[in-house]
Amino acid sequence: LSCAASGSIFTIRDMGWYRQAPGKQRELVAVI
């Protein structure tokens, strides 16, 4: 998976991925 940020940004701190399966709450997968 890829995720590219664009727009008016001074600095990006943490970046991460969450996931949500049917019938479940959104959960953290990984953060960097």
PDB file of all heavy atoms in Angstrom:
ATOM      1  N   LEU A   1       0.825  -1.191   0.000  1.00  0.00           N
ATOM      2  CA  LEU A   1       0.000   0.000   0.000  1.00  0.00           C
ATOM      3  C   LEU A   1       0.868   1.253   0.000  1.00  0.00           C
ATOM      4  O   LEU A   1       1.937   1.276   0.607  1.00  0.00           O
ATOM      5  CB  LEU A   1      -0.922   0.029   1.221  1.00  0.00           C
ATOM      6  CG  LEU A   1      -1.803  -1.198   1.465  1.00  0.00           C
ATOM      7  CD1 LEU A   1      -2.699  -0.954   2.670  1.00  0.00           C
ATOM      8  CD2 LEU A   1      -2.619  -1.539   0.236  1.00  0.00           C
ATOM      9  N   SER A   2       0.385   2.302  -0.662  1.00  0.00           N
ATOM     10  CA  SER A   2       1.067   3.586  -0.691  1.00  0.00           C
ATOM     11  C   SER A   2       0.092   4.686  -0.316  1.00  0.00           C
ATOM     12  O   SER A   2      -1.100   4.600  -0.604  1.00  0.00           O
ATOM     13  CB  SER A   2       1.642   3.875  -2.083  1.00  0.00           C
ATOM     14  OG  SER A   2       2.587   2.902  -2.463  1.00  0.00           O
ATOM     15  N   CYS A   3       0.606   5.735   0.305  1.00  0.00           N
ATOM     16  CA  CYS A   3      -0.197   6.899   0.658  1.00  0.00           C
ATOM     17  C   CYS A   3       0.666   8.135   0.501  1.00  0.00           C
ATOM     18  O   CYS A   3       1.669   8.288   1.204  1.00  0.00           O
ATOM     19  CB  CYS A   3      -0.721   6.781   2.090  1.00  0.00           C
ATOM     20  SG  CYS A   3      -1.605   8.240   2.682  1.00  0.00           S
ATOM     21  N   ALA A   4       0.272   9.018  -0.404  1.00  0.00           N
ATOM     22  CA  ALA A   4       1.018  10.237  -0.686  1.00  0.00           C
ATOM     23  C   ALA A   4       0.248  11.454  -0.199  1.00  0.00           C
ATOM     24  O   ALA A   4      -0.936  11.612  -0.511  1.00  0.00           O
ATOM     25  CB  ALA A   4       1.301  10.354  -2.179  1.00  0.00           C
ATOM     26  N   ALA A   5       0.920  12.312   0.547  1.00  0.00           N
ATOM     27  CA  ALA A   5       0.323  13.540   1.061  1.00  0.00           C
ATOM     28  C   ALA A   5       0.723  14.720   0.183  1.00  0.00           C
ATOM     29  O   ALA A   5       1.863  14.819  -0.265  1.00  0.00           O
ATOM     30  CB  ALA A   5       0.756  13.789   2.502  1.00  0.00           C
ATOM     31  N   SER A   6      -0.218  15.627  -0.032  1.00  0.00           N
ATOM     32  CA  SER A   6       0.055  16.824  -0.809  1.00  0.00           C
ATOM     33  C   SER A   6      -0.725  17.993  -0.221  1.00  0.00           C
ATOM     34  O   SER A   6      -1.657  17.804   0.555  1.00  0.00           O
ATOM     35  CB  SER A   6      -0.299  16.630  -2.283  1.00  0.00           C
ATOM     36  OG  SER A   6      -1.685  16.372  -2.436  1.00  0.00           O
ATOM     37  N   GLY A   7      -0.346  19.195  -0.610  1.00  0.00           N
ATOM     38  CA  GLY A   7      -1.006  20.389  -0.123  1.00  0.00           C
ATOM     39  C   GLY A   7      -0.061  21.279   0.655  1.00  0.00           C
ATOM     40  O   GLY A   7       1.155  21.203   0.507  1.00  0.00           O
ATOM     41  N   SER A   8      -0.628  22.119   1.501  1.00  0.00           N
ATOM     42  CA  SER A   8       0.149  23.069   2.290  1.00  0.00           C
ATOM     43  C   SER A   8       0.646  22.379   3.557  1.00  0.00           C
ATOM     44  O   SER A   8      -0.092  22.239   4.533  1.00  0.00           O
ATOM     45  CB  SER A   8      -0.695  24.290   2.636  1.00  0.00           C
ATOM     46  OG  SER A   8       0.065  25.246   3.343  1.00  0.00           O
ATOM     47  N   ILE A   9       1.906  21.928   3.528  1.00  0.00           N
ATOM     48  CA  ILE A   9       2.505  21.173   4.625  1.00  0.00           C
ATOM     49  C   ILE A   9       3.836  21.800   5.006  1.00  0.00           C
ATOM     50  O   ILE A   9       4.702  21.997   4.151  1.00  0.00           O
ATOM     51  CB  ILE A   9       2.723  19.705   4.237  1.00  0.00           C
ATOM     52  CG1 ILE A   9       1.407  19.043   3.828  1.00  0.00           C
ATOM     53  CG2 ILE A   9       3.377  18.942   5.390  1.00  0.00           C
ATOM     54  CD1 ILE A   9       1.579  17.672   3.220  1.00  0.00           C
ATOM     55  N   PHE A  10       3.998  22.075   6.292  1.00  0.00           N
ATOM     56  CA  PHE A  10       5.281  22.557   6.788  1.00  0.00           C
ATOM     57  C   PHE A  10       6.208  21.374   7.064  1.00  0.00           C
ATOM     58  O   PHE A  10       7.326  21.323   6.556  1.00  0.00           O
ATOM     59  CB  PHE A  10       5.072  23.407   8.048  1.00  0.00           C
ATOM     60  CG  PHE A  10       6.326  24.036   8.570  1.00  0.00           C
ATOM     61  CD1 PHE A  10       6.856  25.157   7.965  1.00  0.00           C
ATOM     62  CD2 PHE A  10       6.984  23.506   9.668  1.00  0.00           C
ATOM     63  CE1 PHE A  10       8.015  25.747   8.435  1.00  0.00           C
ATOM     64  CE2 PHE A  10       8.140  24.084  10.148  1.00  0.00           C
ATOM     65  CZ  PHE A  10       8.661  25.209   9.531  1.00  0.00           C
ATOM     66  N   THR A  11       5.735  20.419   7.882  1.00  0.00           N
ATOM     67  CA  THR A  11       6.483  19.211   8.196  1.00  0.00           C
ATOM     68  C   THR A  11       5.496  18.110   8.559  1.00  0.00           C
ATOM     69  O   THR A  11       4.518  18.360   9.245  1.00  0.00           O
ATOM     70  CB  THR A  11       7.448  19.419   9.383  1.00  0.00           C
ATOM     71  OG1 THR A  11       8.356  20.474   9.088  1.00  0.00           O
ATOM     72  CG2 THR A  11       8.252  18.147   9.663  1.00  0.00           C
ATOM     73  N   ILE A  12       5.755  16.883   8.116  1.00  0.00           N
ATOM     74  CA  ILE A  12       4.959  15.740   8.526  1.00  0.00           C
ATOM     75  C   ILE A  12       5.632  15.053   9.706  1.00  0.00           C
ATOM     76  O   ILE A  12       6.820  14.735   9.648  1.00  0.00           O
ATOM     77  CB  ILE A  12       4.760  14.743   7.372  1.00  0.00           C
ATOM     78  CG1 ILE A  12       3.929  15.383   6.266  1.00  0.00           C
ATOM     79  CG2 ILE A  12       4.101  13.469   7.873  1.00  0.00           C
ATOM     80  CD1 ILE A  12       3.697  14.484   5.075  1.00  0.00           C
ATOM     81  N   ARG A  13       4.877  14.824  10.767  1.00  0.00           N
ATOM     82  CA  ARG A  13       5.372  14.092  11.930  1.00  0.00           C
ATOM     83  C   ARG A  13       5.130  12.597  11.720  1.00  0.00           C
ATOM     84  O   ARG A  13       5.681  12.007  10.795  1.00  0.00           O
ATOM     85  CB  ARG A  13       4.708  14.614  13.203  1.00  0.00           C
ATOM     86  CG  ARG A  13       5.077  16.071  13.536  1.00  0.00           C
ATOM     87  CD  ARG A  13       6.469  16.161  14.125  1.00  0.00           C
ATOM     88  NE  ARG A  13       6.851  17.525  14.475  1.00  0.00           N
ATOM     89  CZ  ARG A  13       6.546  18.128  15.611  1.00  0.00           C
ATOM     90  NH1 ARG A  13       5.831  17.485  16.534  1.00  0.00           N
ATOM     91  NH2 ARG A  13       6.944  19.362  15.845  1.00  0.00           N
ATOM     92  N   ASP A  14       4.273  11.984  12.543  1.00  0.00           N
ATOM     93  CA  ASP A  14       4.000  10.556  12.400  1.00  0.00           C
ATOM     94  C   ASP A  14       3.114  10.271  11.189  1.00  0.00           C
ATOM     95  O   ASP A  14       2.255  11.067  10.813  1.00  0.00           O
ATOM     96  CB  ASP A  14       3.312  10.013  13.650  1.00  0.00           C
ATOM     97  CG  ASP A  14       4.219  10.012  14.864  1.00  0.00           C
ATOM     98  OD1 ASP A  14       5.436  10.219  14.716  1.00  0.00           O
ATOM     99  OD2 ASP A  14       3.698   9.792  15.976  1.00  0.00           O
ATOM    100  N   MET A  15       3.323   9.103  10.569  1.00  0.00           N
ATOM    101  CA  MET A  15       2.470   8.587   9.508  1.00  0.00           C
ATOM    102  C   MET A  15       2.108   7.152   9.868  1.00  0.00           C
ATOM    103  O   MET A  15       2.938   6.429  10.430  1.00  0.00           O
ATOM    104  CB  MET A  15       3.172   8.621   8.152  1.00  0.00           C
ATOM    105  CG  MET A  15       3.742   9.978   7.777  1.00  0.00           C
ATOM    106  SD  MET A  15       4.554  10.002   6.146  1.00  0.00           S
ATOM    107  CE  MET A  15       3.115  10.092   5.075  1.00  0.00           C
ATOM    108  N   GLY A  16       0.879   6.739   9.554  1.00  0.00           N
ATOM    109  CA  GLY A  16       0.481   5.397   9.939  1.00  0.00           C
ATOM    110  C   GLY A  16      -0.652   4.842   9.117  1.00  0.00           C
ATOM    111  O   GLY A  16      -1.205   5.504   8.234  1.00  0.00           O
ATOM    112  N   TRP A  17      -0.977   3.579   9.414  1.00  0.00           N
ATOM    113  CA  TRP A  17      -2.058   2.856   8.765  1.00  0.00           C
ATOM    114  C   TRP A  17      -2.998   2.286   9.805  1.00  0.00           C
ATOM    115  O   TRP A  17      -2.558   1.700  10.800  1.00  0.00           O
ATOM    116  CB  TRP A  17      -1.519   1.716   7.896  1.00  0.00           C
ATOM    117  CG  TRP A  17      -0.738   2.174   6.706  1.00  0.00           C
ATOM    118  CD1 TRP A  17       0.605   2.353   6.623  1.00  0.00           C
ATOM    119  CD2 TRP A  17      -1.272   2.509   5.423  1.00  0.00           C
ATOM    120  NE1 TRP A  17       0.955   2.782   5.366  1.00  0.00           N
ATOM    121  CE2 TRP A  17      -0.185   2.889   4.608  1.00  0.00           C
ATOM    122  CE3 TRP A  17      -2.557   2.528   4.882  1.00  0.00           C
ATOM    123  CZ2 TRP A  17      -0.343   3.281   3.275  1.00  0.00           C
ATOM    124  CZ3 TRP A  17      -2.708   2.919   3.565  1.00  0.00           C
ATOM    125  CH2 TRP A  17      -1.617   3.285   2.783  1.00  0.00           C
ATOM    126  N   TYR A  18      -4.294   2.455   9.571  1.00  0.00           N
ATOM    127  CA  TYR A  18      -5.354   1.853  10.356  1.00  0.00           C
ATOM    128  C   TYR A  18      -6.190   0.977   9.442  1.00  0.00           C
ATOM    129  O   TYR A  18      -6.161   1.135   8.221  1.00  0.00           O
ATOM    130  CB  TYR A  18      -6.246   2.921  10.996  1.00  0.00           C
ATOM    131  CG  TYR A  18      -5.586   3.723  12.098  1.00  0.00           C
ATOM    132  CD1 TYR A  18      -4.581   4.633  11.820  1.00  0.00           C
ATOM    133  CD2 TYR A  18      -5.987   3.575  13.424  1.00  0.00           C
ATOM    134  CE1 TYR A  18      -3.981   5.376  12.828  1.00  0.00           C
ATOM    135  CE2 TYR A  18      -5.403   4.311  14.439  1.00  0.00           C
ATOM    136  CZ  TYR A  18      -4.397   5.209  14.126  1.00  0.00           C
ATOM    137  OH  TYR A  18      -3.815   5.944  15.135  1.00  0.00           O
ATOM    138  N   ARG A  19      -6.960   0.059  10.019  1.00  0.00           N
ATOM    139  CA  ARG A  19      -7.850  -0.762   9.211  1.00  0.00           C
ATOM    140  C   ARG A  19      -9.162  -0.984   9.946  1.00  0.00           C
ATOM    141  O   ARG A  19      -9.229  -0.931  11.170  1.00  0.00           O
ATOM    142  CB  ARG A  19      -7.211  -2.105   8.858  1.00  0.00           C
ATOM    143  CG  ARG A  19      -6.982  -3.045  10.027  1.00  0.00           C
ATOM    144  CD  ARG A  19      -6.211  -4.279   9.573  1.00  0.00           C
ATOM    145  NE  ARG A  19      -5.995  -5.230  10.647  1.00  0.00           N
ATOM    146  CZ  ARG A  19      -5.248  -6.317  10.546  1.00  0.00           C
ATOM    147  NH1 ARG A  19      -4.628  -6.592   9.399  1.00  0.00           N
ATOM    148  NH2 ARG A  19      -5.116  -7.132  11.577  1.00  0.00           N
ATOM    149  N   GLN A  20     -10.210  -1.233   9.166  1.00  0.00           N
ATOM    150  CA  GLN A  20     -11.531  -1.483   9.724  1.00  0.00           C
ATOM    151  C   GLN A  20     -12.205  -2.594   8.931  1.00  0.00           C
ATOM    152  O   GLN A  20     -12.444  -2.449   7.734  1.00  0.00           O
ATOM    153  CB  GLN A  20     -12.390  -0.216   9.700  1.00  0.00           C
ATOM    154  CG  GLN A  20     -13.716  -0.373  10.418  1.00  0.00           C
ATOM    155  CD  GLN A  20     -14.413   0.954  10.643  1.00  0.00           C
ATOM    156  OE1 GLN A  20     -14.142   1.938   9.951  1.00  0.00           O
ATOM    157  NE2 GLN A  20     -15.299   1.000  11.612  1.00  0.00           N
ATOM    158  N   ALA A  21     -12.493  -3.705   9.603  1.00  0.00           N
ATOM    159  CA  ALA A  21     -13.182  -4.830   9.009  1.00  0.00           C
ATOM    160  C   ALA A  21     -14.673  -4.716   9.302  1.00  0.00           C
ATOM    161  O   ALA A  21     -15.079  -4.050  10.261  1.00  0.00           O
ATOM    162  CB  ALA A  21     -12.627  -6.138   9.555  1.00  0.00           C
ATOM    163  N   PRO A  22     -15.519  -5.374   8.501  1.00  0.00           N
ATOM    164  CA  PRO A  22     -16.964  -5.328   8.756  1.00  0.00           C
ATOM    165  C   PRO A  22     -17.302  -5.785  10.162  1.00  0.00           C
ATOM    166  O   PRO A  22     -16.825  -6.824  10.625  1.00  0.00           O
ATOM    167  CB  PRO A  22     -17.537  -6.282   7.708  1.00  0.00           C
ATOM    168  CG  PRO A  22     -16.539  -6.251   6.596  1.00  0.00           C
ATOM    169  CD  PRO A  22     -15.204  -6.127   7.275  1.00  0.00           C
ATOM    170  N   GLY A  23     -18.112  -5.005  10.860  1.00  0.00           N
ATOM    171  CA  GLY A  23     -18.523  -5.344  12.207  1.00  0.00           C
ATOM    172  C   GLY A  23     -17.508  -5.075  13.286  1.00  0.00           C
ATOM    173  O   GLY A  23     -17.747  -5.423  14.447  1.00  0.00           O
ATOM    174  N   LYS A  24     -16.369  -4.465  12.947  1.00  0.00           N
ATOM    175  CA  LYS A  24     -15.321  -4.195  13.922  1.00  0.00           C
ATOM    176  C   LYS A  24     -14.982  -2.710  13.958  1.00  0.00           C
ATOM    177  O   LYS A  24     -15.284  -1.961  13.030  1.00  0.00           O
ATOM    178  CB  LYS A  24     -14.059  -4.998  13.603  1.00  0.00           C
ATOM    179  CG  LYS A  24     -14.217  -6.499  13.708  1.00  0.00           C
ATOM    180  CD  LYS A  24     -12.892  -7.206  13.483  1.00  0.00           C
ATOM    181  CE  LYS A  24     -13.021  -8.708  13.645  1.00  0.00           C
ATOM    182  NZ  LYS A  24     -11.718  -9.390  13.423  1.00  0.00           N
ATOM    183  N   GLN A  25     -14.352  -2.295  15.052  1.00  0.00           N
ATOM    184  CA  GLN A  25     -13.884  -0.927  15.183  1.00  0.00           C
ATOM    185  C   GLN A  25     -12.578  -0.735  14.415  1.00  0.00           C
ATOM    186  O   GLN A  25     -11.836  -1.687  14.164  1.00  0.00           O
ATOM    187  CB  GLN A  25     -13.682  -0.577  16.656  1.00  0.00           C
ATOM    188  CG  GLN A  25     -14.950  -0.634  17.497  1.00  0.00           C
ATOM    189  CD  GLN A  25     -15.982   0.373  17.046  1.00  0.00           C
ATOM    190  OE1 GLN A  25     -15.666   1.542  16.822  1.00  0.00           O
ATOM    191  NE2 GLN A  25     -17.220  -0.073  16.906  1.00  0.00           N
ATOM    192  N   ARG A  26     -12.301   0.509  14.047  1.00  0.00           N
ATOM    193  CA  ARG A  26     -11.045   0.815  13.387  1.00  0.00           C
ATOM    194  C   ARG A  26      -9.885   0.602  14.363  1.00  0.00           C
ATOM    195  O   ARG A  26      -9.955   1.007  15.522  1.00  0.00           O
ATOM    196  CB  ARG A  26     -11.059   2.253  12.870  1.00  0.00           C
ATOM    197  CG  ARG A  26      -9.879   2.605  11.979  1.00  0.00           C
ATOM    198  CD  ARG A  26     -10.057   3.978  11.331  1.00  0.00           C
ATOM    199  NE  ARG A  26     -11.221   4.016  10.460  1.00  0.00           N
ATOM    200  CZ  ARG A  26     -11.526   5.050   9.673  1.00  0.00           C
ATOM    201  NH1 ARG A  26     -10.740   6.127   9.650  1.00  0.00           N
ATOM    202  NH2 ARG A  26     -12.611   5.005   8.928  1.00  0.00           N
ATOM    203  N   GLU A  27      -8.812  -0.045  13.894  1.00  0.00           N
ATOM    204  CA  GLU A  27      -7.681  -0.358  14.744  1.00  0.00           C
ATOM    205  C   GLU A  27      -6.368   0.080  14.103  1.00  0.00           C
ATOM    206  O   GLU A  27      -6.233   0.112  12.876  1.00  0.00           O
ATOM    207  CB  GLU A  27      -7.626  -1.860  15.047  1.00  0.00           C
ATOM    208  CG  GLU A  27      -7.381  -2.725  13.825  1.00  0.00           C
ATOM    209  CD  GLU A  27      -7.234  -4.197  14.152  1.00  0.00           C
ATOM    210  OE1 GLU A  27      -7.217  -4.556  15.347  1.00  0.00           O
ATOM    211  OE2 GLU A  27      -7.122  -5.008  13.205  1.00  0.00           O
ATOM    212  N   LEU A  28      -5.404   0.396  14.947  1.00  0.00           N
ATOM    213  CA  LEU A  28      -4.069   0.760  14.476  1.00  0.00           C
ATOM    214  C   LEU A  28      -3.354  -0.474  13.938  1.00  0.00           C
ATOM    215  O   LEU A  28      -3.339  -1.523  14.575  1.00  0.00           O
ATOM    216  CB  LEU A  28      -3.257   1.379  15.613  1.00  0.00           C
ATOM    217  CG  LEU A  28      -1.795   1.707  15.303  1.00  0.00           C
ATOM    218  CD1 LEU A  28      -1.709   2.860  14.314  1.00  0.00           C
ATOM    219  CD2 LEU A  28      -1.034   2.044  16.579  1.00  0.00           C
ATOM    220  N   VAL A  29      -2.751  -0.340  12.765  1.00  0.00           N
ATOM    221  CA  VAL A  29      -1.940  -1.402  12.172  1.00  0.00           C
ATOM    222  C   VAL A  29      -0.459  -1.132  12.406  1.00  0.00           C
ATOM    223  O   VAL A  29       0.272  -1.983  12.900  1.00  0.00           O
ATOM    224  CB  VAL A  29      -2.219  -1.545  10.669  1.00  0.00           C
ATOM    225  CG1 VAL A  29      -1.306  -2.598  10.051  1.00  0.00           C
ATOM    226  CG2 VAL A  29      -3.681  -1.895  10.428  1.00  0.00           C
ATOM    227  N   ALA A  30      -0.008   0.062  12.038  1.00  0.00           N
ATOM    228  CA  ALA A  30       1.391   0.429  12.192  1.00  0.00           C
ATOM    229  C   ALA A  30       1.526   1.941  12.126  1.00  0.00           C
ATOM    230  O   ALA A  30       0.724   2.618  11.493  1.00  0.00           O
ATOM    231  CB  ALA A  30       2.264  -0.211  11.110  1.00  0.00           C
ATOM    232  N   VAL A  31       2.550   2.473  12.777  1.00  0.00           N
ATOM    233  CA  VAL A  31       2.855   3.897  12.732  1.00  0.00           C
ATOM    234  C   VAL A  31       4.366   4.059  12.645  1.00  0.00           C
ATOM    235  O   VAL A  31       5.121   3.235  13.185  1.00  0.00           O
ATOM    236  CB  VAL A  31       2.271   4.637  13.964  1.00  0.00           C
ATOM    237  CG1 VAL A  31       2.913   4.126  15.248  1.00  0.00           C
ATOM    238  CG2 VAL A  31       2.445   6.141  13.828  1.00  0.00           C
ATOM    239  N   ILE A  32       4.801   5.108  11.956  1.00  0.00           N
ATOM    240  CA  ILE A  32       6.227   5.345  11.779  1.00  0.00           C
ATOM    241  C   ILE A  32       6.526   6.820  12.000  1.00  0.00           C
ATOM    242  O   ILE A  32       5.844   7.693  11.464  1.00  0.00           O
ATOM    243  CB  ILE A  32       6.706   4.859  10.386  1.00  0.00           C
ATOM    244  CG1 ILE A  32       8.220   5.013  10.242  1.00  0.00           C
ATOM    245  CG2 ILE A  32       5.957   5.574   9.267  1.00  0.00           C
ATOM    246  CD1 ILE A  32       8.772   4.297   9.012  1.00  0.00           C
TER     247      ILE A  32
END
